[in-house]
Amino acid sequence: MQLAFSSNAYLKFPIASTIERIAALGYKGIELAADVPHAWPAGLLEESKQAIRDALAKHGLAISNINAFMMNAVADPRQPYWHPGWTDPDPHYRAIRREHTKRALHLAAELGAECITTEPGGLLTPEQTWQQGADIFYQEFMPCVELAGELGVRLLIEPEPELLIERFDQYLTFVDRIDSPWVGLNFDIGHAYCVGEDPQDWVARMRPHTRHYHFEDIAASRVHKHLIPGHGAIDFDATLREIQKTGYDGWITVELYPYMDNPDAAAREAHEFLTAAMTRLGAAAP
């Protein structure tokens, strides 16, 4: 297991500075936000892509994941992270999500990233049933699955409270109809905790699907607000112990976008807390 930090906490900083800061705090990887101002694929020039490669090489960081979930660039007034959604009633609007995902897959291939993450469907309207939403998501998603296979990049679904796929059983139901080794799960332990699924209880069951982890803490209220690990109620020792048992040796990315006003302090504290927890288990990242 190795620790990475998501650049979506550093949206007030340019990407070169973000890479330098995350590396200086001891992380081995960075989750690159496929969004403004870091790496919005639709407007990313070749010179900008090379600058990212150069900065990563200079500071010794690898890309743990490309986060194609957030779409602040669209600036939807309803909610800047969820929209455009895969299940939006307007096919032209949800096409923006589909084409963004394709561009993010190409970006991952160009930068050497193994995977991208996307939202788990969208916010259902009062008129949509779960199955109707799942059918729309499937229709929009499958062209991206095909492209993921062609490019050799994993396309990971991230369950999210309030969206189509909130819980692991819903994820399993949805992916059961997809026959592709390039589709997998981004296991966000905070999101699981928010919907009543304590992460340590699900690690082993979801291991065949899990290709990447997001870590953050959540308060005992289970309200969806990302906290620095150690500030909430998640049992990190138990969760890490279960992950260790599965033999997982990939990335754990810390995602703390609510801390944009002082991301360095949040990233530093998270790194210290998780490194100590991993050391106790004999699983400290190299």
C-alpha atoms as a PDB file:
ATOM      1  CA  MET A   1       0.000   0.000   0.000  1.00  0.00           C
ATOM      2  CA  GLN A   2       1.249   3.458  -0.890  1.00  0.00           C
ATOM      3  CA  LEU A   3      -0.190   6.852   0.011  1.00  0.00           C
ATOM      4  CA  ALA A   4      -1.257   9.452  -2.529  1.00  0.00           C
ATOM      5  CA  PHE A   5      -3.073  12.763  -2.104  1.00  0.00           C
ATOM      6  CA  SER A   6      -5.785  14.153  -4.349  1.00  0.00           C
ATOM      7  CA  SER A   7      -5.078  17.415  -6.109  1.00  0.00           C
ATOM      8  CA  ASN A   8      -8.717  18.455  -5.681  1.00  0.00           C
ATOM      9  CA  ALA A   9      -7.771  19.955  -2.302  1.00  0.00           C
ATOM     10  CA  TYR A  10      -5.339  22.251  -4.142  1.00  0.00           C
ATOM     11  CA  LEU A  11      -7.665  23.895  -6.635  1.00  0.00           C
ATOM     12  CA  LYS A  12      -6.403  27.300  -5.477  1.00  0.00           C
ATOM     13  CA  PHE A  13      -2.910  26.346  -6.653  1.00  0.00           C
ATOM     14  CA  PRO A  14      -1.510  25.635 -10.128  1.00  0.00           C
ATOM     15  CA  ILE A  15      -0.721  22.012 -10.831  1.00  0.00           C
ATOM     16  CA  ALA A  16       3.075  22.426 -10.798  1.00  0.00           C
ATOM     17  CA  SER A  17       2.956  23.910  -7.307  1.00  0.00           C
ATOM     18  CA  THR A  18       0.480  21.238  -6.207  1.00  0.00           C
ATOM     19  CA  ILE A  19       2.787  18.443  -7.330  1.00  0.00           C
ATOM     20  CA  GLU A  20       5.732  20.042  -5.525  1.00  0.00           C
ATOM     21  CA  ARG A  21       3.777  20.508  -2.290  1.00  0.00           C
ATOM     22  CA  ILE A  22       2.324  16.997  -2.195  1.00  0.00           C
ATOM     23  CA  ALA A  23       5.730  15.448  -2.806  1.00  0.00           C
ATOM     24  CA  ALA A  24       7.333  17.591  -0.106  1.00  0.00           C
ATOM     25  CA  LEU A  25       4.820  16.258   2.428  1.00  0.00           C
ATOM     26  CA  GLY A  26       6.000  12.693   1.895  1.00  0.00           C
ATOM     27  CA  TYR A  27       3.367  11.277  -0.454  1.00  0.00           C
ATOM     28  CA  LYS A  28       4.473   8.960  -3.233  1.00  0.00           C
ATOM     29  CA  GLY A  29       1.540   9.635  -5.516  1.00  0.00           C
ATOM     30  CA  ILE A  30      -0.961  12.232  -6.636  1.00  0.00           C
ATOM     31  CA  GLU A  31      -4.535  11.853  -7.794  1.00  0.00           C
ATOM     32  CA  LEU A  32      -4.803  14.288 -10.670  1.00  0.00           C
ATOM     33  CA  ALA A  33      -8.073  16.206 -10.945  1.00  0.00           C
ATOM     34  CA  ALA A  34      -9.295  16.141 -14.546  1.00  0.00           C
ATOM     35  CA  ASP A  35     -10.819  19.537 -13.896  1.00  0.00           C
ATOM     36  CA  VAL A  36      -9.980  23.208 -13.765  1.00  0.00           C
ATOM     37  CA  PRO A  37      -7.415  24.476 -12.971  1.00  0.00           C
ATOM     38  CA  HIS A  38      -5.286  21.326 -13.039  1.00  0.00           C
ATOM     39  CA  ALA A  39      -6.038  19.076 -16.006  1.00  0.00           C
ATOM     40  CA  TRP A  40      -9.384  19.759 -17.679  1.00  0.00           C
ATOM     41  CA  PRO A  41      -8.983  17.400 -20.642  1.00  0.00           C
ATOM     42  CA  ALA A  42     -11.023  19.399 -23.141  1.00  0.00           C
ATOM     43  CA  GLY A  43      -8.668  22.357 -22.889  1.00  0.00           C
ATOM     44  CA  LEU A  44      -5.338  20.790 -21.972  1.00  0.00           C
ATOM     45  CA  LEU A  45      -2.633  21.654 -24.472  1.00  0.00           C
ATOM     46  CA  GLU A  46       0.208  19.271 -25.278  1.00  0.00           C
ATOM     47  CA  GLU A  47       2.598  21.721 -23.632  1.00  0.00           C
ATOM     48  CA  SER A  48       0.567  21.520 -20.417  1.00  0.00           C
ATOM     49  CA  LYS A  49       0.586  17.720 -20.477  1.00  0.00           C
ATOM     50  CA  GLN A  50       4.355  17.728 -20.872  1.00  0.00           C
ATOM     51  CA  ALA A  51       4.688  20.206 -18.016  1.00  0.00           C
ATOM     52  CA  ILE A  52       2.752  17.781 -15.800  1.00  0.00           C
ATOM     53  CA  ARG A  53       5.030  14.918 -16.851  1.00  0.00           C
ATOM     54  CA  ASP A  54       8.096  17.034 -16.142  1.00  0.00           C
ATOM     55  CA  ALA A  55       6.860  18.121 -12.704  1.00  0.00           C
ATOM     56  CA  LEU A  56       5.998  14.553 -11.724  1.00  0.00           C
ATOM     57  CA  ALA A  57       9.438  13.342 -12.768  1.00  0.00           C
ATOM     58  CA  LYS A  58      11.205  16.212 -11.015  1.00  0.00           C
ATOM     59  CA  HIS A  59       9.467  15.535  -7.693  1.00  0.00           C
ATOM     60  CA  GLY A  60       9.292  11.758  -7.928  1.00  0.00           C
ATOM     61  CA  LEU A  61       5.501  11.424  -7.872  1.00  0.00           C
ATOM     62  CA  ALA A  62       3.403   8.820  -9.642  1.00  0.00           C
ATOM     63  CA  ILE A  63      -0.236   9.279 -10.653  1.00  0.00           C
ATOM     64  CA  SER A  64      -2.410   7.113  -8.417  1.00  0.00           C
ATOM     65  CA  ASN A  65      -5.604   7.912 -10.306  1.00  0.00           C
ATOM     66  CA  ILE A  66      -7.179  10.543 -12.525  1.00  0.00           C
ATOM     67  CA  ASN A  67     -10.278  11.948 -10.870  1.00  0.00           C
ATOM     68  CA  ALA A  68     -12.875  12.498 -13.584  1.00  0.00           C
ATOM     69  CA  PHE A  69     -15.736  12.664 -11.068  1.00  0.00           C
ATOM     70  CA  MET A  70     -15.695  16.401 -10.372  1.00  0.00           C
ATOM     71  CA  MET A  71     -16.607  18.785 -13.195  1.00  0.00           C
ATOM     72  CA  ASN A  72     -16.200  22.259 -11.727  1.00  0.00           C
ATOM     73  CA  ALA A  73     -15.368  23.501 -15.219  1.00  0.00           C
ATOM     74  CA  VAL A  74     -19.028  23.206 -16.219  1.00  0.00           C
ATOM     75  CA  ALA A  75     -20.078  25.308 -13.205  1.00  0.00           C
ATOM     76  CA  ASP A  76     -23.553  23.828 -12.874  1.00  0.00           C
ATOM     77  CA  PRO A  77     -25.370  25.961 -10.270  1.00  0.00           C
ATOM     78  CA  ARG A  78     -27.160  22.950  -8.749  1.00  0.00           C
ATOM     79  CA  GLN A  79     -23.976  21.274  -7.498  1.00  0.00           C
ATOM     80  CA  PRO A  80     -20.529  21.595  -9.078  1.00  0.00           C
ATOM     81  CA  TYR A  81     -19.426  17.993  -8.503  1.00  0.00           C
ATOM     82  CA  TRP A  82     -22.407  15.898  -9.623  1.00  0.00           C
ATOM     83  CA  HIS A  83     -23.485  17.655 -12.788  1.00  0.00           C
ATOM     84  CA  PRO A  84     -23.574  16.933 -15.644  1.00  0.00           C
ATOM     85  CA  GLY A  85     -24.650  13.497 -14.453  1.00  0.00           C
ATOM     86  CA  TRP A  86     -24.804  10.179 -16.248  1.00  0.00           C
ATOM     87  CA  THR A  87     -28.561   9.982 -15.650  1.00  0.00           C
ATOM     88  CA  ASP A  88     -29.598  13.555 -16.455  1.00  0.00           C
ATOM     89  CA  PRO A  89     -32.961  13.561 -18.295  1.00  0.00           C
ATOM     90  CA  ASP A  90     -31.456  15.698 -21.070  1.00  0.00           C
ATOM     91  CA  PRO A  91     -29.410  13.414 -23.342  1.00  0.00           C
ATOM     92  CA  HIS A  92     -27.419  16.355 -24.672  1.00  0.00           C
ATOM     93  CA  TYR A  93     -26.406  17.386 -21.175  1.00  0.00           C
ATOM     94  CA  ARG A  94     -25.413  13.921 -20.001  1.00  0.00           C
ATOM     95  CA  ALA A  95     -23.383  13.588 -23.195  1.00  0.00           C
ATOM     96  CA  ILE A  96     -21.052  16.179 -21.688  1.00  0.00           C
ATOM     97  CA  ARG A  97     -20.317  13.691 -18.889  1.00  0.00           C
ATOM     98  CA  ARG A  98     -19.781  10.858 -21.354  1.00  0.00           C
ATOM     99  CA  GLU A  99     -17.410  12.795 -23.586  1.00  0.00           C
ATOM    100  CA  HIS A 100     -15.508  14.166 -20.591  1.00  0.00           C
ATOM    101  CA  THR A 101     -14.978  10.606 -19.398  1.00  0.00           C
ATOM    102  CA  LYS A 102     -13.621   9.609 -22.796  1.00  0.00           C
ATOM    103  CA  ARG A 103     -11.214  12.536 -22.748  1.00  0.00           C
ATOM    104  CA  ALA A 104     -10.111  11.622 -19.232  1.00  0.00           C
ATOM    105  CA  LEU A 105      -9.396   8.065 -20.393  1.00  0.00           C
ATOM    106  CA  HIS A 106      -7.235   9.409 -23.210  1.00  0.00           C
ATOM    107  CA  LEU A 107      -5.480  11.711 -20.755  1.00  0.00           C
ATOM    108  CA  ALA A 108      -4.742   8.787 -18.451  1.00  0.00           C
ATOM    109  CA  ALA A 109      -3.234   6.831 -21.319  1.00  0.00           C
ATOM    110  CA  GLU A 110      -1.099   9.799 -22.344  1.00  0.00           C
ATOM    111  CA  LEU A 111       0.174  10.425 -18.802  1.00  0.00           C
ATOM    112  CA  GLY A 112       0.647   6.770 -17.895  1.00  0.00           C
ATOM    113  CA  ALA A 113      -2.108   6.593 -15.265  1.00  0.00           C
ATOM    114  CA  GLU A 114      -3.606   3.155 -14.671  1.00  0.00           C
ATOM    115  CA  CYS A 115      -7.139   4.279 -13.867  1.00  0.00           C
ATOM    116  CA  ILE A 116      -9.710   7.034 -13.774  1.00  0.00           C
ATOM    117  CA  THR A 117     -12.698   7.419 -11.452  1.00  0.00           C
ATOM    118  CA  THR A 118     -16.180   8.555 -12.355  1.00  0.00           C
ATOM    119  CA  GLU A 119     -19.470   9.178 -10.599  1.00  0.00           C
ATOM    120  CA  PRO A 120     -21.861   6.238 -10.029  1.00  0.00           C
ATOM    121  CA  GLY A 121     -24.663   7.338 -12.245  1.00  0.00           C
ATOM    122  CA  GLY A 122     -26.208  10.638 -11.260  1.00  0.00           C
ATOM    123  CA  LEU A 123     -28.798  12.278  -9.058  1.00  0.00           C
ATOM    124  CA  LEU A 124     -32.138  10.718  -9.896  1.00  0.00           C
ATOM    125  CA  THR A 125     -35.099  12.989 -10.551  1.00  0.00           C
ATOM    126  CA  PRO A 126     -38.379  12.359  -8.680  1.00  0.00           C
ATOM    127  CA  GLU A 127     -39.746  10.850 -11.908  1.00  0.00           C
ATOM    128  CA  GLN A 128     -36.930   8.307 -12.342  1.00  0.00           C
ATOM    129  CA  THR A 129     -36.927   4.867 -10.762  1.00  0.00           C
ATOM    130  CA  TRP A 130     -33.615   3.268  -9.789  1.00  0.00           C
ATOM    131  CA  GLN A 131     -33.854   0.797 -12.667  1.00  0.00           C
ATOM    132  CA  GLN A 132     -34.595   3.544 -15.174  1.00  0.00           C
ATOM    133  CA  GLY A 133     -31.544   5.434 -13.950  1.00  0.00           C
ATOM    134  CA  ALA A 134     -29.413   2.295 -14.125  1.00  0.00           C
ATOM    135  CA  ASP A 135     -30.515   1.662 -17.710  1.00  0.00           C
ATOM    136  CA  ILE A 136     -29.603   5.207 -18.767  1.00  0.00           C
ATOM    137  CA  PHE A 137     -26.260   4.972 -16.961  1.00  0.00           C
ATOM    138  CA  TYR A 138     -25.505   1.674 -18.703  1.00  0.00           C
ATOM    139  CA  GLN A 139     -26.282   3.077 -22.154  1.00  0.00           C
ATOM    140  CA  GLU A 140     -24.069   6.127 -21.632  1.00  0.00           C
ATOM    141  CA  PHE A 141     -21.320   4.213 -19.830  1.00  0.00           C
ATOM    142  CA  MET A 142     -20.706   1.360 -22.255  1.00  0.00           C
ATOM    143  CA  PRO A 143     -18.992   3.429 -24.987  1.00  0.00           C
ATOM    144  CA  CYS A 144     -16.526   4.533 -22.311  1.00  0.00           C
ATOM    145  CA  VAL A 145     -16.006   0.916 -21.228  1.00  0.00           C
ATOM    146  CA  GLU A 146     -15.165   0.009 -24.801  1.00  0.00           C
ATOM    147  CA  LEU A 147     -12.673   2.871 -25.019  1.00  0.00           C
ATOM    148  CA  ALA A 148     -11.123   1.917 -21.669  1.00  0.00           C
ATOM    149  CA  GLY A 149     -10.385  -1.539 -23.060  1.00  0.00           C
ATOM    150  CA  GLU A 150      -8.870  -0.109 -26.225  1.00  0.00           C
ATOM    151  CA  LEU A 151      -6.595   2.208 -24.229  1.00  0.00           C
ATOM    152  CA  GLY A 152      -5.777  -0.220 -21.421  1.00  0.00           C
ATOM    153  CA  VAL A 153      -7.009   2.150 -18.697  1.00  0.00           C
ATOM    154  CA  ARG A 154      -9.258   1.025 -15.850  1.00  0.00           C
ATOM    155  CA  LEU A 155     -12.586   2.836 -15.496  1.00  0.00           C
ATOM    156  CA  LEU A 156     -13.601   2.897 -11.839  1.00  0.00           C
ATOM    157  CA  ILE A 157     -17.056   3.609 -10.434  1.00  0.00           C
ATOM    158  CA  GLU A 158     -17.112   5.438  -7.107  1.00  0.00           C
ATOM    159  CA  PRO A 159     -20.293   4.915  -5.035  1.00  0.00           C
ATOM    160  CA  GLU A 160     -21.495   8.223  -3.633  1.00  0.00           C
ATOM    161  CA  PRO A 161     -24.198   9.114  -1.085  1.00  0.00           C
ATOM    162  CA  GLU A 162     -27.382  10.437  -2.744  1.00  0.00           C
ATOM    163  CA  LEU A 163     -26.435   9.327  -6.265  1.00  0.00           C
ATOM    164  CA  LEU A 164     -27.682   6.309  -8.234  1.00  0.00           C
ATOM    165  CA  ILE A 165     -25.173   3.862  -6.752  1.00  0.00           C
ATOM    166  CA  GLU A 166     -24.729   4.594  -3.064  1.00  0.00           C
ATOM    167  CA  ARG A 167     -24.122   1.130  -1.646  1.00  0.00           C
ATOM    168  CA  PHE A 168     -22.004  -1.834  -2.586  1.00  0.00           C
ATOM    169  CA  ASP A 169     -24.976  -4.082  -3.340  1.00  0.00           C
ATOM    170  CA  GLN A 170     -26.124  -1.523  -5.915  1.00  0.00           C
ATOM    171  CA  TYR A 171     -22.642  -1.481  -7.418  1.00  0.00           C
ATOM    172  CA  LEU A 172     -22.651  -5.268  -7.678  1.00  0.00           C
ATOM    173  CA  THR A 173     -26.091  -5.250  -9.290  1.00  0.00           C
ATOM    174  CA  PHE A 174     -25.013  -2.687 -11.876  1.00  0.00           C
ATOM    175  CA  VAL A 175     -21.653  -4.211 -12.859  1.00  0.00           C
ATOM    176  CA  ASP A 176     -23.158  -7.686 -13.111  1.00  0.00           C
ATOM    177  CA  ARG A 177     -24.387  -6.718 -16.567  1.00  0.00           C
ATOM    178  CA  ILE A 178     -20.939  -5.470 -17.693  1.00  0.00           C
ATOM    179  CA  ASP A 179     -18.493  -8.064 -18.983  1.00  0.00           C
ATOM    180  CA  SER A 180     -15.206  -6.163 -18.956  1.00  0.00           C
ATOM    181  CA  PRO A 181     -11.990  -6.485 -16.936  1.00  0.00           C
ATOM    182  CA  TRP A 182     -11.491  -2.746 -17.356  1.00  0.00           C
ATOM    183  CA  VAL A 183     -14.373  -1.747 -15.059  1.00  0.00           C
ATOM    184  CA  GLY A 184     -13.734  -1.710 -11.332  1.00  0.00           C
ATOM    185  CA  LEU A 185     -14.490  -0.096  -8.000  1.00  0.00           C
ATOM    186  CA  ASN A 186     -13.029   2.970  -6.364  1.00  0.00           C
ATOM    187  CA  PHE A 187     -13.655   2.026  -2.719  1.00  0.00           C
ATOM    188  CA  ASP A 188     -14.230   5.285  -0.858  1.00  0.00           C
ATOM    189  CA  ILE A 189     -14.276   4.372   2.822  1.00  0.00           C
ATOM    190  CA  GLY A 190     -15.968   7.603   3.873  1.00  0.00           C
ATOM    191  CA  HIS A 191     -18.791   7.192   1.380  1.00  0.00           C
ATOM    192  CA  ALA A 192     -19.350   3.649   2.605  1.00  0.00           C
ATOM    193  CA  TYR A 193     -19.509   4.851   6.200  1.00  0.00           C
ATOM    194  CA  CYS A 194     -22.026   7.568   5.266  1.00  0.00           C
ATOM    195  CA  VAL A 195     -24.536   5.000   3.990  1.00  0.00           C
ATOM    196  CA  GLY A 196     -24.138   2.702   6.984  1.00  0.00           C
ATOM    197  CA  GLU A 197     -21.571   0.303   5.520  1.00  0.00           C
ATOM    198  CA  ASP A 198     -18.603   0.276   7.894  1.00  0.00           C
ATOM    199  CA  PRO A 199     -15.655  -0.105   5.509  1.00  0.00           C
ATOM    200  CA  GLN A 200     -13.834  -2.841   7.431  1.00  0.00           C
ATOM    201  CA  ASP A 201     -16.887  -5.071   6.956  1.00  0.00           C
ATOM    202  CA  TRP A 202     -16.796  -4.735   3.157  1.00  0.00           C
ATOM    203  CA  VAL A 203     -13.115  -4.783   2.223  1.00  0.00           C
ATOM    204  CA  ALA A 204     -12.842  -8.550   1.745  1.00  0.00           C
ATOM    205  CA  ARG A 205     -16.133  -8.906  -0.129  1.00  0.00           C
ATOM    206  CA  MET A 206     -15.324  -6.061  -2.533  1.00  0.00           C
ATOM    207  CA  ARG A 207     -11.677  -7.014  -3.052  1.00  0.00           C
ATOM    208  CA  PRO A 208     -12.334  -8.705  -6.441  1.00  0.00           C
ATOM    209  CA  HIS A 209     -13.611  -5.343  -7.700  1.00  0.00           C
ATOM    210  CA  THR A 210     -11.451  -2.824  -5.823  1.00  0.00           C
ATOM    211  CA  ARG A 211      -8.689  -1.211  -7.853  1.00  0.00           C
ATOM    212  CA  HIS A 212      -8.156   1.960  -5.822  1.00  0.00           C
ATOM    213  CA  TYR A 213      -9.080   3.397  -2.423  1.00  0.00           C
ATOM    214  CA  HIS A 214     -10.142   6.860  -1.298  1.00  0.00           C
ATOM    215  CA  PHE A 215      -9.525   7.649   2.362  1.00  0.00           C
ATOM    216  CA  GLU A 216     -11.076  10.384   4.483  1.00  0.00           C
ATOM    217  CA  ASP A 217     -12.789  10.431   7.833  1.00  0.00           C
ATOM    218  CA  ILE A 218     -16.486  11.030   8.541  1.00  0.00           C
ATOM    219  CA  ALA A 219     -18.158  12.214  11.735  1.00  0.00           C
ATOM    220  CA  ALA A 220     -20.175   9.786  13.882  1.00  0.00           C
ATOM    221  CA  SER A 221     -23.329  11.428  12.480  1.00  0.00           C
ATOM    222  CA  ARG A 222     -22.421   9.808   9.110  1.00  0.00           C
ATOM    223  CA  VAL A 223     -23.070  13.138   7.378  1.00  0.00           C
ATOM    224  CA  HIS A 224     -21.172  13.315   4.103  1.00  0.00           C
ATOM    225  CA  LYS A 225     -18.408  15.774   4.897  1.00  0.00           C
ATOM    226  CA  HIS A 226     -14.802  14.766   4.374  1.00  0.00           C
ATOM    227  CA  LEU A 227     -12.632  15.111   7.475  1.00  0.00           C
ATOM    228  CA  ILE A 228      -8.928  14.615   8.100  1.00  0.00           C
ATOM    229  CA  PRO A 229      -8.287  11.000   9.166  1.00  0.00           C
ATOM    230  CA  GLY A 230      -8.505  10.830  12.947  1.00  0.00           C
ATOM    231  CA  HIS A 231     -11.075  13.637  13.195  1.00  0.00           C
ATOM    232  CA  GLY A 232     -14.125  11.401  12.789  1.00  0.00           C
ATOM    233  CA  ALA A 233     -15.480   7.982  13.691  1.00  0.00           C
ATOM    234  CA  ILE A 234     -14.049   5.604  11.059  1.00  0.00           C
ATOM    235  CA  ASP A 235     -11.945   2.773  12.493  1.00  0.00           C
ATOM    236  CA  PHE A 236      -8.821   3.161  10.370  1.00  0.00           C
ATOM    237  CA  ASP A 237      -6.842   0.464  12.138  1.00  0.00           C
ATOM    238  CA  ALA A 238      -9.586  -2.087  11.456  1.00  0.00           C
ATOM    239  CA  THR A 239      -9.991  -0.925   7.851  1.00  0.00           C
ATOM    240  CA  LEU A 240      -6.270  -1.020   7.104  1.00  0.00           C
ATOM    241  CA  ARG A 241      -5.983  -4.419   8.771  1.00  0.00           C
ATOM    242  CA  GLU A 242      -8.676  -5.819   6.496  1.00  0.00           C
ATOM    243  CA  ILE A 243      -7.060  -4.270   3.422  1.00  0.00           C
ATOM    244  CA  GLN A 244      -3.734  -5.762   4.415  1.00  0.00           C
ATOM    245  CA  LYS A 245      -5.337  -9.209   4.722  1.00  0.00           C
ATOM    246  CA  THR A 246      -6.484  -9.032   1.092  1.00  0.00           C
ATOM    247  CA  GLY A 247      -2.920  -8.504  -0.124  1.00  0.00           C
ATOM    248  CA  TYR A 248      -3.803  -5.192  -1.768  1.00  0.00           C
ATOM    249  CA  ASP A 249      -0.584  -3.390  -2.725  1.00  0.00           C
ATOM    250  CA  GLY A 250      -1.982  -0.465  -4.687  1.00  0.00           C
ATOM    251  CA  TRP A 251      -2.730   3.170  -3.947  1.00  0.00           C
ATOM    252  CA  ILE A 252      -4.632   4.697  -1.064  1.00  0.00           C
ATOM    253  CA  THR A 253      -5.471   8.264  -2.055  1.00  0.00           C
ATOM    254  CA  VAL A 254      -6.420  10.761   0.641  1.00  0.00           C
ATOM    255  CA  GLU A 255      -9.236  13.021  -0.586  1.00  0.00           C
ATOM    256  CA  LEU A 256      -9.741  16.194   1.438  1.00  0.00           C
ATOM    257  CA  TYR A 257     -11.211  18.775  -0.955  1.00  0.00           C
ATOM    258  CA  PRO A 258     -13.042  20.685   1.839  1.00  0.00           C
ATOM    259  CA  TYR A 259      -9.631  21.866   3.095  1.00  0.00           C
ATOM    260  CA  MET A 260      -8.781  24.126   0.158  1.00  0.00           C
ATOM    261  CA  ASP A 261      -7.950  27.055   2.451  1.00  0.00           C
ATOM    262  CA  ASN A 262      -5.015  25.177   3.971  1.00  0.00           C
ATOM    263  CA  PRO A 263      -4.423  21.943   2.068  1.00  0.00           C
ATOM    264  CA  ASP A 264      -0.815  21.581   3.227  1.00  0.00           C
ATOM    265  CA  ALA A 265      -1.822  21.313   6.884  1.00  0.00           C
ATOM    266  CA  ALA A 266      -4.572  18.793   6.112  1.00  0.00           C
ATOM    267  CA  ALA A 267      -2.317  16.708   3.879  1.00  0.00           C
ATOM    268  CA  ARG A 268       0.491  16.738   6.455  1.00  0.00           C
ATOM    269  CA  GLU A 269      -1.758  15.651   9.321  1.00  0.00           C
ATOM    270  CA  ALA A 270      -3.372  12.925   7.221  1.00  0.00           C
ATOM    271  CA  HIS A 271       0.019  11.590   6.154  1.00  0.00           C
ATOM    272  CA  GLU A 272       1.281  11.473   9.740  1.00  0.00           C
ATOM    273  CA  PHE A 273      -1.871   9.764  11.004  1.00  0.00           C
ATOM    274  CA  LEU A 274      -2.041   7.129   8.265  1.00  0.00           C
ATOM    275  CA  THR A 275       1.680   6.426   8.291  1.00  0.00           C
ATOM    276  CA  ALA A 276       1.491   5.797  12.037  1.00  0.00           C
ATOM    277  CA  ALA A 277      -1.504   3.495  11.586  1.00  0.00           C
ATOM    278  CA  MET A 278       0.183   1.561   8.795  1.00  0.00           C
ATOM    279  CA  THR A 279       3.374   1.275  10.818  1.00  0.00           C
ATOM    280  CA  ARG A 280       1.436  -0.259  13.711  1.00  0.00           C
ATOM    281  CA  LEU A 281       0.202  -2.923  11.301  1.00  0.00           C
ATOM    282  CA  GLY A 282       3.586  -3.449   9.717  1.00  0.00           C
ATOM    283  CA  ALA A 283       2.201  -2.139   6.457  1.00  0.00           C
ATOM    284  CA  ALA A 284       3.901   1.240   6.176  1.00  0.00           C
ATOM    285  CA  ALA A 285       4.277   2.445   2.604  1.00  0.00           C
ATOM    286  CA  PRO A 286       7.873   2.389   1.328  1.00  0.00           C
END
